[in-house]
């Protein structure tokens, strides 16, 4: 039986120790970078939103600039049109809803009464006294937790204010990105020394293309959801089809929660105006479309546009949601794609040159030579 070589064992241990130490240093550096990013999140979040919005609005700006428009004028026009589009989306949702608010309110009351009538019959047999007792208990709990509700309200108001500030700052940043974006990479190249002046601008350019692919694919997935769910609502005779379809498209940019929220609104409208049967049909349509979107359309489209396998997309969304909630789910896929961009670039730079193959001549096998 062969014995272990002391020399080879020591060499293997030294190599393992060196690799372990290097891995620990890399993990420590990653931790420090993540902590710094978390401390600067109030600045980074508007920047990220502005970059995502810029990927949507850059194509028309590029078209105008190619046709002789000054950069500031092209960026201003597209920014105004974008704000007009957002306003139009809000109007498409708000006006029909407000026009039928009376029917909607009465429908909600009727729906609650229908639920009470159903609960009072078999198999539940819930009486009015039990309902009133439950309501009184709920009121007592609410009164006992006024302080918590006040704190939650203040937190909600603070969140709304922060959201408005983030939105306004993101719009201003989007305008400057549209106006001065093409100057950024040349400027960055001039500021960096040595090889960094080539590497970082190249990675930035590839990352920009990847972000554009992500936003376009997400918009396409949202459009598919809006079309299919809108057709289902129209076929079943549910009112407010256009506002619900627009709401479905807009909320598609917020993974998981956006789809759930839009689906609940559609089911509620169907329940109020058309009854239980069609509400259940609408629920089935929404679940079917969302399953197709989450398991078929979105992974396929994003995997093609971002160069990621469909399984990687699903795992990234799951991990991002567990780590950072809604924001993590929203940013998980583009972050994974950007990591893949950096990794592919590093692999290109660290790989050996691919040898050239000399064609076969006179029946002799081809020879490989190193690329010059």
Foldseek 3Di string as FASTA:
>chain_A
DDDDDPVVVVVVVVVVVVVVVVVVVVVVVVVVVVVVCVVCVLVVVLVVLLLLVLLVQQVQLVVVVVVPDAQLVSLVVSLVVVVVVVVVLVCLQPVVCVVCVVLLVVLVVVLVVVVVVVCCDPPNVQDPVNVVVVVVVVVVVCVVVVVVVVVVVVVVVVVVVSVVVSVVSSSVVNSCCSRCVVVVLVVQLVVDDDPCSPPVSVLVVVLSQLSSLVSVLLLVLLLQLLVQLLVLCVVLVQPSSRSLSSQSSVLSLFPPVSLVVSLVVSLSSCCSPPNDPSSVVSNVSSVVSVCCSLPPRSLVSSCVSLVHHSVQLNVQLVVLCVVPNRVRNNCRSSVVSSVVSVVVSVCVVPDAADWDWDDDDPPDHIDTDGDD
